[in-house]
Protein backbone atom coordinates (compact mmCIF):
# COMPACT_ATOMS: atom_id res chain seq x y z
CA MET A 1 -17.99 -11.83 -12.23
CA GLN A 2 -18.07 -13.08 -15.80
CA VAL A 3 -16.48 -16.47 -16.60
CA LEU A 4 -14.41 -16.18 -19.77
CA ASP A 5 -12.70 -19.57 -19.70
CA LYS A 6 -12.64 -22.54 -17.36
CA LYS A 7 -10.39 -25.57 -16.98
CA ARG A 8 -10.28 -28.41 -14.46
CA ILE A 9 -6.82 -28.88 -12.88
CA SER A 10 -5.25 -31.29 -10.39
CA VAL A 11 -4.00 -30.49 -6.90
CA THR A 12 -1.06 -32.61 -5.71
CA SER A 13 -0.72 -34.17 -2.27
CA LYS A 14 1.54 -31.20 -1.42
CA ARG A 15 -1.32 -28.81 -2.25
CA GLN A 16 0.42 -27.68 -5.45
CA LEU A 17 -1.33 -26.93 -8.70
CA THR A 18 -0.27 -26.01 -12.21
CA ILE A 19 -1.72 -22.96 -13.89
CA PRO A 20 -2.70 -23.87 -17.45
CA GLN A 21 -0.22 -22.37 -19.94
CA LYS A 22 -2.93 -20.40 -21.74
CA PHE A 23 -4.02 -18.70 -18.49
CA TYR A 24 -0.42 -18.21 -17.33
CA THR A 25 0.56 -16.46 -20.54
CA GLU A 26 -2.62 -14.46 -21.05
CA LEU A 27 -2.58 -13.06 -17.52
CA GLY A 28 1.15 -12.38 -17.42
CA PHE A 29 2.16 -14.59 -14.49
CA GLY A 30 5.77 -14.51 -13.33
CA SER A 31 7.37 -16.22 -10.36
CA GLU A 32 4.77 -15.10 -7.78
CA ALA A 33 1.01 -15.04 -7.43
CA ILE A 34 -1.52 -13.54 -5.03
CA CYS A 35 -4.10 -15.95 -3.61
CA THR A 36 -7.31 -14.48 -2.23
CA LEU A 37 -10.25 -16.23 -0.60
CA LEU A 38 -13.33 -14.55 -2.07
CA ASP A 39 -16.88 -15.72 -1.40
CA GLY A 40 -15.86 -19.38 -1.12
CA ALA A 41 -13.54 -19.29 -4.14
CA LEU A 42 -9.77 -19.18 -4.38
CA VAL A 43 -8.73 -16.37 -6.72
CA ILE A 44 -5.16 -16.58 -8.03
CA GLU A 45 -3.76 -13.43 -9.63
CA PRO A 46 -0.32 -12.63 -11.06
CA VAL A 47 1.95 -10.34 -9.08
CA SER A 48 3.13 -7.56 -11.29
CA GLN A 49 6.88 -7.94 -11.67
CA ALA A 50 7.28 -4.23 -12.25
CA PRO A 51 5.91 -1.53 -10.01
CA SER A 52 3.01 0.44 -11.43
CA GLY A 53 5.40 3.03 -12.81
CA GLU A 54 4.41 5.77 -10.40
CA PHE A 55 8.03 6.41 -9.44
CA ASP A 56 9.66 5.73 -12.81
CA ASP A 57 10.04 9.38 -13.76
CA LEU A 58 11.53 10.25 -10.37
CA ILE A 59 13.98 7.35 -10.50
CA LEU A 60 15.04 8.24 -14.04
CA ALA A 61 15.47 11.92 -13.17
CA ASP A 62 17.76 11.02 -10.26
CA LEU A 63 19.80 8.61 -12.37
CA ILE A 64 20.27 11.17 -15.14
CA LYS A 65 21.36 13.79 -12.57
CA GLU A 66 23.83 11.22 -11.22
CA GLY A 67 25.31 10.86 -14.71
CA TYR A 68 24.05 7.41 -15.70
CA GLU A 69 23.53 6.71 -19.39
CA GLY A 70 23.20 3.83 -21.82
CA ASP A 71 23.31 0.27 -20.46
CA ALA A 72 24.42 1.48 -17.03
CA LEU A 73 21.32 3.69 -16.83
CA LEU A 74 19.04 0.78 -17.70
CA ALA A 75 20.72 -1.58 -15.23
CA GLU A 76 20.62 0.90 -12.35
CA PHE A 77 17.01 1.87 -13.18
CA LYS A 78 15.92 -1.78 -12.96
CA ALA A 79 17.80 -2.25 -9.68
CA ARG A 80 16.26 0.82 -8.04
CA ARG A 81 12.78 0.16 -9.36
CA ALA A 82 12.91 -3.36 -7.90
CA LYS A 83 13.38 -1.78 -4.46
CA VAL A 84 10.18 0.29 -4.62
CA ARG A 85 7.67 -2.49 -3.88
CA PRO A 86 9.56 -3.92 -0.85
CA ALA A 87 9.95 -0.39 0.53
CA VAL A 88 6.23 0.31 0.19
CA GLU A 89 5.39 -3.06 1.74
CA ARG A 90 7.63 -2.19 4.74
CA LEU A 91 5.85 1.16 5.11
CA ILE A 92 2.46 -0.54 5.05
CA GLN A 93 3.57 -3.05 7.68
CA GLN A 94 4.94 -0.27 9.88
CA ALA A 95 1.62 1.59 9.57
CA LYS A 96 -0.26 -1.57 10.56
CA ASP A 97 2.05 -2.03 13.55
CA VAL A 98 1.49 1.57 14.67
CA GLY A 99 -2.27 1.10 14.24
CA ARG A 100 -2.08 -1.88 16.60
CA GLY A 101 -0.10 0.18 19.11
CA ASN A 102 3.18 -1.62 18.34
CA GLY A 103 5.66 0.95 17.21
CA GLU A 104 6.42 4.60 16.91
CA TYR A 105 5.13 6.95 14.26
CA SER A 106 6.42 10.13 12.65
CA THR A 107 4.43 13.26 11.98
CA TYR A 108 4.21 14.85 8.55
CA GLU A 109 6.53 17.65 9.67
CA GLU A 110 9.08 15.17 11.04
CA VAL A 111 9.22 13.46 7.66
CA PHE A 112 8.96 16.43 5.28
CA GLY A 113 9.82 19.44 7.45
CA LYS A 114 7.69 22.50 8.04
CA CYS A 115 5.64 23.85 5.16
CA PRO A 116 6.91 27.19 3.87
CA ASP A 117 4.58 30.06 4.69
């Protein structure tokens, strides 16, 4: 891991710290961060406020088919895209629960139906 910049910061009695403005801006922090304990170091990374874009084309296609356009299209796109990450996080948690023997699972065919021959 290459160190590009380093700055000493304070930690309050409530265990809070302030990310230096330069780092905050350069890394694109928003209202959330991911903290990871890695080899004795605390790594703080920004949480991407927008999903990776993997579903953007599918969301847009659906909205266009539904007749959205202009500002309404943009507003509805943002609303639906904001739901992608929580939905994926729920799926991951459900998979973890099933892996621990706590919960039911669905087969591929139950979710998508039988494959055409």
